[in-house]
Amino acid sequence: MKRLVLIRHGKADWDKGLYEDFKRPLKPRGKMDGEIIAENVLKKEPAPDAFFASKAARASETALIIKNHLKLSDTILHFDLNLYTFEWHDLLTYVRSMDDSLKTVWIAGHNPALTELVNYLSFEKKLLNLQTTGVAVLELDISSWVEARKDCGELAAYHYPKEFKSHTND
């Protein structure tokens, strides 16, 4: 059994088109939502054996906020340009290449790749959209990451920041 926790980056700053996509940072709300998700969801998850994140600014910032809030070791977090993708099959290739010594892996990345990967791997519950700073927890019935395939697991949990807020701010 493998546990895959997929985390979509926080709300990005699209104001005035100041940033190219790769360099687009988080909005203040995106930073706050990272703290909320770390405290209310990820704190209750088994600690990851590895935490991989896209090198794009908004995904790396989200991962750093989570890592710092949970006081995870610096050696756990790895930034990878290959995770800057919007294609689910690229993510599947990445997952299949992970070291089998890793039992629980967290990945911070981008939509629509994350939503589509969740729906490919999970046999029952399906997501319409993994919201910004949303977390999808998959329990995969595999012993090796290379075995990741259609319907090989279950969407065990799905959470997003608005669940834990009494009101919303942008």
N, C-alpha and C. Protein backbone atom coordinates (compact mmCIF):
# COMPACT_ATOMS: atom_id res chain seq x y z
N MET A 1 0.85 -1.19 0.00
CA MET A 1 0.00 0.00 0.00
C MET A 1 0.89 1.25 0.00
N LYS A 2 0.58 2.20 -0.87
CA LYS A 2 1.29 3.48 -0.95
C LYS A 2 0.27 4.59 -0.71
N ARG A 3 0.75 5.69 -0.12
CA ARG A 3 -0.11 6.85 0.17
C ARG A 3 0.44 8.04 -0.62
N LEU A 4 -0.42 8.62 -1.44
CA LEU A 4 -0.04 9.75 -2.28
C LEU A 4 -0.93 10.93 -1.92
N VAL A 5 -0.31 12.01 -1.48
CA VAL A 5 -1.04 13.21 -1.09
C VAL A 5 -0.73 14.29 -2.13
N LEU A 6 -1.76 14.68 -2.87
CA LEU A 6 -1.60 15.68 -3.92
C LEU A 6 -2.13 17.02 -3.43
N ILE A 7 -1.30 18.06 -3.57
CA ILE A 7 -1.62 19.39 -3.05
C ILE A 7 -1.54 20.39 -4.20
N ARG A 8 -2.64 21.05 -4.46
CA ARG A 8 -2.61 22.10 -5.48
C ARG A 8 -2.06 23.38 -4.84
N HIS A 9 -1.27 24.10 -5.58
CA HIS A 9 -0.69 25.36 -5.07
C HIS A 9 -1.81 26.33 -4.65
N GLY A 10 -1.43 27.29 -3.82
CA GLY A 10 -2.37 28.29 -3.34
C GLY A 10 -2.76 29.29 -4.41
N LYS A 11 -3.70 30.15 -4.05
CA LYS A 11 -4.22 31.20 -4.94
C LYS A 11 -3.06 32.07 -5.43
N ALA A 12 -2.91 32.18 -6.75
CA ALA A 12 -1.80 32.92 -7.34
C ALA A 12 -2.18 34.36 -7.67
N ASP A 13 -1.17 35.20 -7.76
CA ASP A 13 -1.35 36.61 -8.06
C ASP A 13 -1.38 36.82 -9.58
N TRP A 14 -2.56 37.08 -10.09
CA TRP A 14 -2.74 37.30 -11.53
C TRP A 14 -2.82 38.80 -11.85
N ASP A 15 -2.67 39.65 -10.85
CA ASP A 15 -2.88 41.09 -11.02
C ASP A 15 -2.02 41.70 -12.12
N LYS A 16 -2.68 42.38 -13.02
CA LYS A 16 -2.05 43.21 -14.06
C LYS A 16 -1.09 42.44 -14.96
N GLY A 17 -1.15 41.14 -14.95
CA GLY A 17 -0.28 40.36 -15.81
C GLY A 17 1.20 40.66 -15.62
N LEU A 18 1.58 40.96 -14.39
CA LEU A 18 2.96 41.35 -14.10
C LEU A 18 3.95 40.19 -14.19
N TYR A 19 3.46 38.98 -14.09
CA TYR A 19 4.36 37.85 -13.97
C TYR A 19 4.15 36.86 -15.11
N GLU A 20 5.25 36.28 -15.59
CA GLU A 20 5.09 35.13 -16.49
C GLU A 20 4.61 33.97 -15.63
N ASP A 21 4.00 33.00 -16.23
CA ASP A 21 3.35 31.93 -15.48
C ASP A 21 4.27 31.27 -14.46
N PHE A 22 5.48 30.92 -14.83
CA PHE A 22 6.39 30.20 -13.95
C PHE A 22 6.75 31.01 -12.70
N LYS A 23 6.80 32.32 -12.83
CA LYS A 23 7.22 33.19 -11.73
C LYS A 23 6.06 33.77 -10.93
N ARG A 24 4.84 33.40 -11.27
CA ARG A 24 3.67 33.98 -10.60
C ARG A 24 3.64 33.55 -9.12
N PRO A 25 3.69 34.53 -8.19
CA PRO A 25 3.73 34.21 -6.76
C PRO A 25 2.33 34.00 -6.18
N LEU A 26 2.30 33.63 -4.93
CA LEU A 26 1.03 33.51 -4.22
C LEU A 26 0.48 34.88 -3.83
N LYS A 27 -0.84 34.96 -3.80
CA LYS A 27 -1.50 36.13 -3.22
C LYS A 27 -1.45 35.95 -1.70
N PRO A 28 -1.69 36.99 -0.94
CA PRO A 28 -1.77 36.83 0.52
C PRO A 28 -2.74 35.73 0.93
N ARG A 29 -3.87 35.63 0.23
CA ARG A 29 -4.83 34.57 0.53
C ARG A 29 -4.22 33.19 0.33
N GLY A 30 -3.42 33.03 -0.72
CA GLY A 30 -2.76 31.75 -1.00
C GLY A 30 -1.81 31.36 0.12
N LYS A 31 -1.11 32.34 0.67
CA LYS A 31 -0.20 32.08 1.80
C LYS A 31 -0.99 31.66 3.04
N MET A 32 -2.06 32.38 3.32
CA MET A 32 -2.90 32.07 4.48
C MET A 32 -3.52 30.67 4.33
N ASP A 33 -3.98 30.35 3.13
CA ASP A 33 -4.59 29.04 2.89
C ASP A 33 -3.59 27.90 3.09
N GLY A 34 -2.32 28.13 2.75
CA GLY A 34 -1.29 27.12 2.99
C GLY A 34 -1.16 26.80 4.47
N GLU A 35 -1.20 27.83 5.30
CA GLU A 35 -1.15 27.66 6.77
C GLU A 35 -2.39 26.90 7.25
N ILE A 36 -3.55 27.27 6.72
CA ILE A 36 -4.81 26.64 7.13
C ILE A 36 -4.81 25.15 6.81
N ILE A 37 -4.38 24.81 5.60
CA ILE A 37 -4.35 23.40 5.18
C ILE A 37 -3.30 22.62 5.97
N ALA A 38 -2.15 23.23 6.21
CA ALA A 38 -1.11 22.56 7.00
C ALA A 38 -1.64 22.23 8.39
N GLU A 39 -2.28 23.19 9.02
CA GLU A 39 -2.75 23.03 10.40
C GLU A 39 -3.94 22.08 10.51
N ASN A 40 -4.89 22.17 9.59
CA ASN A 40 -6.14 21.43 9.72
C ASN A 40 -6.19 20.10 9.00
N VAL A 41 -5.30 19.89 8.04
CA VAL A 41 -5.34 18.65 7.25
C VAL A 41 -4.01 17.90 7.34
N LEU A 42 -2.95 18.53 6.87
CA LEU A 42 -1.68 17.83 6.73
C LEU A 42 -1.03 17.48 8.06
N LYS A 43 -1.32 18.25 9.08
CA LYS A 43 -0.80 17.96 10.42
C LYS A 43 -1.30 16.61 10.92
N LYS A 44 -2.46 16.18 10.43
CA LYS A 44 -3.09 14.92 10.85
C LYS A 44 -2.68 13.74 9.95
N GLU A 45 -2.00 14.04 8.86
CA GLU A 45 -1.54 13.00 7.94
C GLU A 45 -0.23 12.39 8.44
N PRO A 46 0.04 11.14 8.05
CA PRO A 46 1.36 10.59 8.34
C PRO A 46 2.42 11.48 7.67
N ALA A 47 3.52 11.72 8.36
CA ALA A 47 4.59 12.55 7.79
C ALA A 47 5.08 11.91 6.49
N PRO A 48 5.40 12.73 5.51
CA PRO A 48 5.85 12.17 4.23
C PRO A 48 7.28 11.63 4.32
N ASP A 49 7.53 10.59 3.55
CA ASP A 49 8.91 10.13 3.37
C ASP A 49 9.63 11.08 2.42
N ALA A 50 8.85 11.71 1.53
CA ALA A 50 9.38 12.73 0.63
C ALA A 50 8.24 13.67 0.25
N PHE A 51 8.61 14.91 0.03
CA PHE A 51 7.65 15.95 -0.37
C PHE A 51 8.27 16.61 -1.61
N PHE A 52 7.62 16.40 -2.76
CA PHE A 52 8.10 16.93 -4.03
C PHE A 52 7.22 18.11 -4.44
N ALA A 53 7.84 19.13 -5.01
CA ALA A 53 7.07 20.31 -5.43
C ALA A 53 7.60 20.83 -6.76
N SER A 54 6.67 21.36 -7.53
CA SER A 54 7.03 22.05 -8.77
C SER A 54 7.94 23.23 -8.42
N LYS A 55 8.85 23.56 -9.33
CA LYS A 55 9.73 24.71 -9.12
C LYS A 55 9.04 26.04 -9.42
N ALA A 56 7.84 26.01 -9.98
CA ALA A 56 7.12 27.27 -10.24
C ALA A 56 6.90 27.97 -8.90
N ALA A 57 6.99 29.30 -8.91
CA ALA A 57 6.96 30.09 -7.67
C ALA A 57 5.77 29.76 -6.79
N ARG A 58 4.56 29.71 -7.34
CA ARG A 58 3.36 29.51 -6.51
C ARG A 58 3.33 28.13 -5.85
N ALA A 59 3.83 27.11 -6.53
CA ALA A 59 3.86 25.76 -5.96
C ALA A 59 4.99 25.63 -4.94
N SER A 60 6.17 26.20 -5.25
CA SER A 60 7.28 26.13 -4.28
C SER A 60 6.95 26.90 -3.02
N GLU A 61 6.32 28.07 -3.16
CA GLU A 61 5.92 28.84 -1.98
C GLU A 61 4.94 28.05 -1.12
N THR A 62 3.96 27.43 -1.76
CA THR A 62 2.97 26.63 -1.04
C THR A 62 3.66 25.51 -0.27
N ALA A 63 4.57 24.80 -0.92
CA ALA A 63 5.29 23.70 -0.28
C ALA A 63 6.13 24.19 0.90
N LEU A 64 6.80 25.32 0.73
CA LEU A 64 7.62 25.87 1.81
C LEU A 64 6.77 26.29 3.01
N ILE A 65 5.63 26.89 2.75
CA ILE A 65 4.73 27.29 3.84
C ILE A 65 4.31 26.05 4.64
N ILE A 66 3.94 25.00 3.92
CA ILE A 66 3.51 23.76 4.58
C ILE A 66 4.67 23.14 5.35
N LYS A 67 5.82 23.02 4.71
CA LYS A 67 7.00 22.43 5.36
C LYS A 67 7.36 23.19 6.63
N ASN A 68 7.40 24.50 6.54
CA ASN A 68 7.77 25.32 7.69
C ASN A 68 6.73 25.25 8.79
N HIS A 69 5.46 25.29 8.43
CA HIS A 69 4.41 25.22 9.44
C HIS A 69 4.45 23.90 10.21
N LEU A 70 4.72 22.82 9.49
CA LEU A 70 4.73 21.49 10.11
C LEU A 70 6.12 21.13 10.66
N LYS A 71 7.07 22.02 10.46
CA LYS A 71 8.45 21.80 10.94
C LYS A 71 9.03 20.49 10.38
N LEU A 72 8.79 20.26 9.09
CA LEU A 72 9.36 19.10 8.42
C LEU A 72 10.84 19.35 8.17
N SER A 73 11.60 18.30 8.13
CA SER A 73 13.04 18.39 7.86
C SER A 73 13.28 19.00 6.48
N ASP A 74 14.35 19.77 6.37
CA ASP A 74 14.73 20.35 5.09
C ASP A 74 15.02 19.27 4.05
N THR A 75 15.45 18.10 4.51
CA THR A 75 15.82 17.03 3.58
C THR A 75 14.60 16.35 2.95
N ILE A 76 13.41 16.59 3.49
CA ILE A 76 12.18 15.98 2.97
C ILE A 76 11.73 16.65 1.68
N LEU A 77 11.90 17.97 1.57
CA LEU A 77 11.35 18.75 0.46
C LEU A 77 12.33 18.83 -0.71
N HIS A 78 11.81 18.48 -1.89
CA HIS A 78 12.60 18.49 -3.13
C HIS A 78 11.82 19.24 -4.20
N PHE A 79 12.47 20.20 -4.86
CA PHE A 79 11.84 20.95 -5.94
C PHE A 79 12.27 20.36 -7.26
N ASP A 80 11.30 20.17 -8.16
CA ASP A 80 11.60 19.49 -9.42
C ASP A 80 10.89 20.19 -10.57
N LEU A 81 11.65 20.58 -11.57
CA LEU A 81 11.10 21.24 -12.74
C LEU A 81 10.11 20.33 -13.48
N ASN A 82 10.29 19.02 -13.38
CA ASN A 82 9.39 18.07 -14.05
C ASN A 82 7.97 18.14 -13.51
N LEU A 83 7.80 18.71 -12.32
CA LEU A 83 6.45 18.83 -11.75
C LEU A 83 5.74 20.11 -12.20
N TYR A 84 6.42 20.93 -12.97
CA TYR A 84 5.78 22.10 -13.59
C TYR A 84 5.11 21.61 -14.86
N THR A 85 3.97 20.95 -14.67
CA THR A 85 3.23 20.38 -15.79
C THR A 85 1.75 20.51 -15.53
N PHE A 86 0.99 20.56 -16.60
CA PHE A 86 -0.46 20.63 -16.52
C PHE A 86 -1.08 19.37 -17.10
N GLU A 87 -0.24 18.38 -17.38
CA GLU A 87 -0.65 17.12 -18.00
C GLU A 87 -0.59 15.98 -16.99
N TRP A 88 -1.70 15.30 -16.78
CA TRP A 88 -1.75 14.23 -15.78
C TRP A 88 -0.82 13.08 -16.13
N HIS A 89 -0.64 12.78 -17.41
CA HIS A 89 0.22 11.64 -17.77
C HIS A 89 1.69 11.93 -17.44
N ASP A 90 2.09 13.22 -17.45
CA ASP A 90 3.45 13.57 -17.00
C ASP A 90 3.60 13.28 -15.51
N LEU A 91 2.56 13.60 -14.74
CA LEU A 91 2.58 13.32 -13.29
C LEU A 91 2.60 11.82 -13.04
N LEU A 92 1.82 11.08 -13.81
CA LEU A 92 1.81 9.62 -13.66
C LEU A 92 3.20 9.04 -13.92
N THR A 93 3.87 9.51 -14.94
CA THR A 93 5.23 9.07 -15.23
C THR A 93 6.14 9.38 -14.05
N TYR A 94 5.99 10.57 -13.47
CA TYR A 94 6.78 10.97 -12.31
C TYR A 94 6.53 10.03 -11.13
N VAL A 95 5.26 9.77 -10.84
CA VAL A 95 4.89 8.88 -9.73
C VAL A 95 5.47 7.49 -9.96
N ARG A 96 5.35 6.99 -11.16
CA ARG A 96 5.86 5.65 -11.46
C ARG A 96 7.38 5.54 -11.32
N SER A 97 8.07 6.67 -11.37
CA SER A 97 9.53 6.65 -11.28
C SER A 97 10.04 6.83 -9.85
N MET A 98 9.15 7.02 -8.90
CA MET A 98 9.58 7.27 -7.52
C MET A 98 10.17 6.01 -6.89
N ASP A 99 11.08 6.22 -5.96
CA ASP A 99 11.76 5.14 -5.26
C ASP A 99 10.78 4.36 -4.39
N ASP A 100 10.84 3.05 -4.48
CA ASP A 100 9.90 2.20 -3.73
C ASP A 100 10.10 2.22 -2.23
N SER A 101 11.22 2.75 -1.76
CA SER A 101 11.40 2.87 -0.31
C SER A 101 10.46 3.93 0.27
N LEU A 102 9.92 4.80 -0.59
CA LEU A 102 8.98 5.84 -0.16
C LEU A 102 7.58 5.25 -0.04
N LYS A 103 7.01 5.31 1.14
CA LYS A 103 5.66 4.77 1.36
C LYS A 103 4.60 5.88 1.27
N THR A 104 4.92 7.05 1.84
CA THR A 104 4.01 8.19 1.83
C THR A 104 4.71 9.35 1.14
N VAL A 105 4.09 9.84 0.07
CA VAL A 105 4.67 10.93 -0.71
C VAL A 105 3.65 12.05 -0.86
N TRP A 106 4.13 13.28 -0.69
CA TRP A 106 3.33 14.47 -0.94
C TRP A 106 3.88 15.13 -2.19
N ILE A 107 2.98 15.62 -3.05
CA ILE A 107 3.37 16.36 -4.25
C ILE A 107 2.56 17.64 -4.33
N ALA A 108 3.26 18.78 -4.47
CA ALA A 108 2.61 20.08 -4.68
C ALA A 108 2.78 20.46 -6.14
N GLY A 109 1.65 20.70 -6.80
CA GLY A 109 1.73 21.00 -8.23
C GLY A 109 0.55 21.79 -8.74
N HIS A 110 0.15 21.47 -9.97
CA HIS A 110 -0.76 22.32 -10.74
C HIS A 110 -1.95 21.54 -11.31
N ASN A 111 -3.01 22.27 -11.54
CA ASN A 111 -4.18 21.76 -12.26
C ASN A 111 -4.02 22.11 -13.73
N PRO A 112 -4.67 21.38 -14.63
CA PRO A 112 -5.60 20.29 -14.38
C PRO A 112 -4.93 18.94 -14.11
N ALA A 113 -3.61 18.90 -14.16
CA ALA A 113 -2.89 17.63 -14.00
C ALA A 113 -3.25 16.91 -12.71
N LEU A 114 -3.32 17.64 -11.59
CA LEU A 114 -3.59 16.98 -10.30
C LEU A 114 -5.00 16.38 -10.27
N THR A 115 -6.00 17.15 -10.67
CA THR A 115 -7.38 16.65 -10.67
C THR A 115 -7.49 15.41 -11.56
N GLU A 116 -6.91 15.48 -12.74
CA GLU A 116 -7.01 14.37 -13.69
C GLU A 116 -6.27 13.14 -13.19
N LEU A 117 -5.14 13.33 -12.50
CA LEU A 117 -4.42 12.19 -11.94
C LEU A 117 -5.23 11.53 -10.83
N VAL A 118 -5.84 12.33 -9.97
CA VAL A 118 -6.71 11.78 -8.92
C VAL A 118 -7.79 10.91 -9.56
N ASN A 119 -8.44 11.43 -10.58
CA ASN A 119 -9.54 10.70 -11.21
C ASN A 119 -9.08 9.46 -11.96
N TYR A 120 -7.86 9.47 -12.44
CA TYR A 120 -7.30 8.30 -13.12
C TYR A 120 -6.99 7.20 -12.11
N LEU A 121 -6.38 7.56 -11.00
CA LEU A 121 -5.92 6.57 -10.02
C LEU A 121 -7.03 6.05 -9.11
N SER A 122 -8.04 6.85 -8.83
CA SER A 122 -9.08 6.43 -7.88
C SER A 122 -10.23 5.73 -8.59
N PHE A 123 -10.67 4.64 -8.00
CA PHE A 123 -11.68 3.81 -8.66
C PHE A 123 -13.11 4.24 -8.40
N GLU A 124 -13.36 5.05 -7.38
CA GLU A 124 -14.74 5.35 -7.04
C GLU A 124 -15.02 6.84 -7.03
N LYS A 125 -14.58 7.51 -5.98
CA LYS A 125 -14.85 8.95 -5.87
C LYS A 125 -14.05 9.70 -6.93
N LYS A 126 -14.70 10.64 -7.56
CA LYS A 126 -14.03 11.44 -8.58
C LYS A 126 -14.17 12.92 -8.21
N LEU A 127 -13.18 13.71 -8.58
CA LEU A 127 -13.17 15.15 -8.32
C LEU A 127 -13.53 15.92 -9.58
N LEU A 128 -14.33 16.96 -9.41
CA LEU A 128 -14.57 17.87 -10.52
C LEU A 128 -13.38 18.82 -10.68
N ASN A 129 -12.84 19.26 -9.54
CA ASN A 129 -11.75 20.22 -9.57
C ASN A 129 -11.05 20.24 -8.21
N LEU A 130 -9.76 20.01 -8.22
CA LEU A 130 -8.97 20.15 -7.00
C LEU A 130 -8.74 21.65 -6.82
N GLN A 131 -9.42 22.24 -5.85
CA GLN A 131 -9.38 23.68 -5.64
C GLN A 131 -7.99 24.15 -5.22
N THR A 132 -7.74 25.46 -5.32
CA THR A 132 -6.45 25.99 -4.90
C THR A 132 -6.22 25.65 -3.43
N THR A 133 -5.04 25.21 -3.13
CA THR A 133 -4.59 24.71 -1.84
C THR A 133 -5.42 23.52 -1.38
N GLY A 134 -6.10 22.88 -2.32
CA GLY A 134 -6.84 21.66 -2.00
C GLY A 134 -5.88 20.48 -1.85
N VAL A 135 -6.32 19.50 -1.07
CA VAL A 135 -5.51 18.30 -0.80
C VAL A 135 -6.34 17.06 -1.10
N ALA A 136 -5.81 16.20 -1.94
CA ALA A 136 -6.43 14.92 -2.25
C ALA A 136 -5.51 13.82 -1.73
N VAL A 137 -6.04 12.96 -0.87
CA VAL A 137 -5.27 11.86 -0.28
C VAL A 137 -5.69 10.57 -0.97
N LEU A 138 -4.74 9.92 -1.60
CA LEU A 138 -5.00 8.66 -2.29
C LEU A 138 -4.32 7.50 -1.58
N GLU A 139 -5.05 6.45 -1.35
CA GLU A 139 -4.49 5.20 -0.85
C GLU A 139 -4.44 4.25 -2.04
N LEU A 140 -3.23 3.91 -2.45
CA LEU A 140 -3.04 3.10 -3.65
C LEU A 140 -2.73 1.65 -3.28
N ASP A 141 -3.45 0.75 -3.88
CA ASP A 141 -3.28 -0.67 -3.62
C ASP A 141 -2.17 -1.21 -4.52
N ILE A 142 -0.94 -0.75 -4.22
CA ILE A 142 0.23 -1.14 -4.99
C ILE A 142 1.39 -1.33 -4.01
N SER A 143 2.36 -2.15 -4.40
CA SER A 143 3.54 -2.32 -3.56
C SER A 143 4.74 -1.58 -4.14
N SER A 144 4.64 -1.23 -5.42
CA SER A 144 5.71 -0.49 -6.10
C SER A 144 5.06 0.67 -6.86
N TRP A 145 5.71 1.83 -6.86
CA TRP A 145 5.15 3.00 -7.55
C TRP A 145 4.97 2.74 -9.04
N VAL A 146 5.80 1.90 -9.62
CA VAL A 146 5.69 1.61 -11.05
C VAL A 146 4.34 0.94 -11.38
N GLU A 147 3.67 0.39 -10.38
CA GLU A 147 2.38 -0.28 -10.57
C GLU A 147 1.20 0.71 -10.62
N ALA A 148 1.46 1.99 -10.41
CA ALA A 148 0.38 2.98 -10.44
C ALA A 148 -0.34 2.91 -11.79
N ARG A 149 -1.65 2.70 -11.73
CA ARG A 149 -2.44 2.51 -12.95
C ARG A 149 -3.88 2.96 -12.71
N LYS A 150 -4.66 2.94 -13.74
CA LYS A 150 -6.06 3.35 -13.64
C LYS A 150 -6.78 2.54 -12.56
N ASP A 151 -7.52 3.26 -11.72
CA ASP A 151 -8.37 2.65 -10.68
C ASP A 151 -7.61 1.78 -9.68
N CYS A 152 -6.35 2.09 -9.40
CA CYS A 152 -5.56 1.26 -8.48
C CYS A 152 -5.71 1.71 -7.03
N GLY A 153 -6.48 2.73 -6.79
CA GLY A 153 -6.59 3.22 -5.42
C GLY A 153 -7.90 3.89 -5.12
N GLU A 154 -7.92 4.51 -3.95
CA GLU A 154 -9.13 5.13 -3.45
C GLU A 154 -8.82 6.57 -3.02
N LEU A 155 -9.74 7.47 -3.33
CA LEU A 155 -9.64 8.83 -2.83
C LEU A 155 -10.12 8.78 -1.39
N ALA A 156 -9.18 8.73 -0.46
CA ALA A 156 -9.49 8.55 0.96
C ALA A 156 -9.97 9.84 1.61
N ALA A 157 -9.50 10.98 1.10
CA ALA A 157 -9.91 12.27 1.68
C ALA A 157 -9.67 13.38 0.67
N TYR A 158 -10.50 14.40 0.78
CA TYR A 158 -10.34 15.61 -0.03
C TYR A 158 -10.72 16.80 0.85
N HIS A 159 -9.81 17.76 0.93
CA HIS A 159 -10.06 18.95 1.76
C HIS A 159 -9.57 20.19 1.03
N TYR A 160 -10.18 21.32 1.38
CA TYR A 160 -9.80 22.61 0.81
C TYR A 160 -10.00 23.68 1.87
N PRO A 161 -9.32 24.82 1.75
CA PRO A 161 -9.28 25.82 2.82
C PRO A 161 -10.65 26.34 3.28
N LYS A 162 -11.59 26.53 2.39
CA LYS A 162 -12.88 27.13 2.79
C LYS A 162 -13.63 26.28 3.82
N GLU A 163 -13.31 25.00 3.90
CA GLU A 163 -13.93 24.13 4.92
C GLU A 163 -13.61 24.62 6.32
N PHE A 164 -12.48 25.30 6.48
CA PHE A 164 -11.98 25.66 7.80
C PHE A 164 -12.06 27.16 8.09
N LYS A 165 -12.79 27.87 7.25
CA LYS A 165 -12.91 29.32 7.42
C LYS A 165 -14.36 29.68 7.76
N SER A 166 -14.52 30.69 8.60
CA SER A 166 -15.88 31.17 8.87
C SER A 166 -16.32 32.18 7.82
N HIS A 167 -15.35 32.78 7.11
CA HIS A 167 -15.64 33.69 6.01
C HIS A 167 -14.44 33.66 5.06
N THR A 168 -14.62 34.21 3.86
CA THR A 168 -13.53 34.18 2.89
C THR A 168 -13.08 35.60 2.56
N ASN A 169 -11.80 35.71 2.32
CA ASN A 169 -11.20 36.97 1.87
C ASN A 169 -10.33 36.67 0.66
N ASP A 170 -10.22 37.62 -0.23
CA ASP A 170 -9.23 37.50 -1.32
C ASP A 170 -8.08 38.37 -0.94
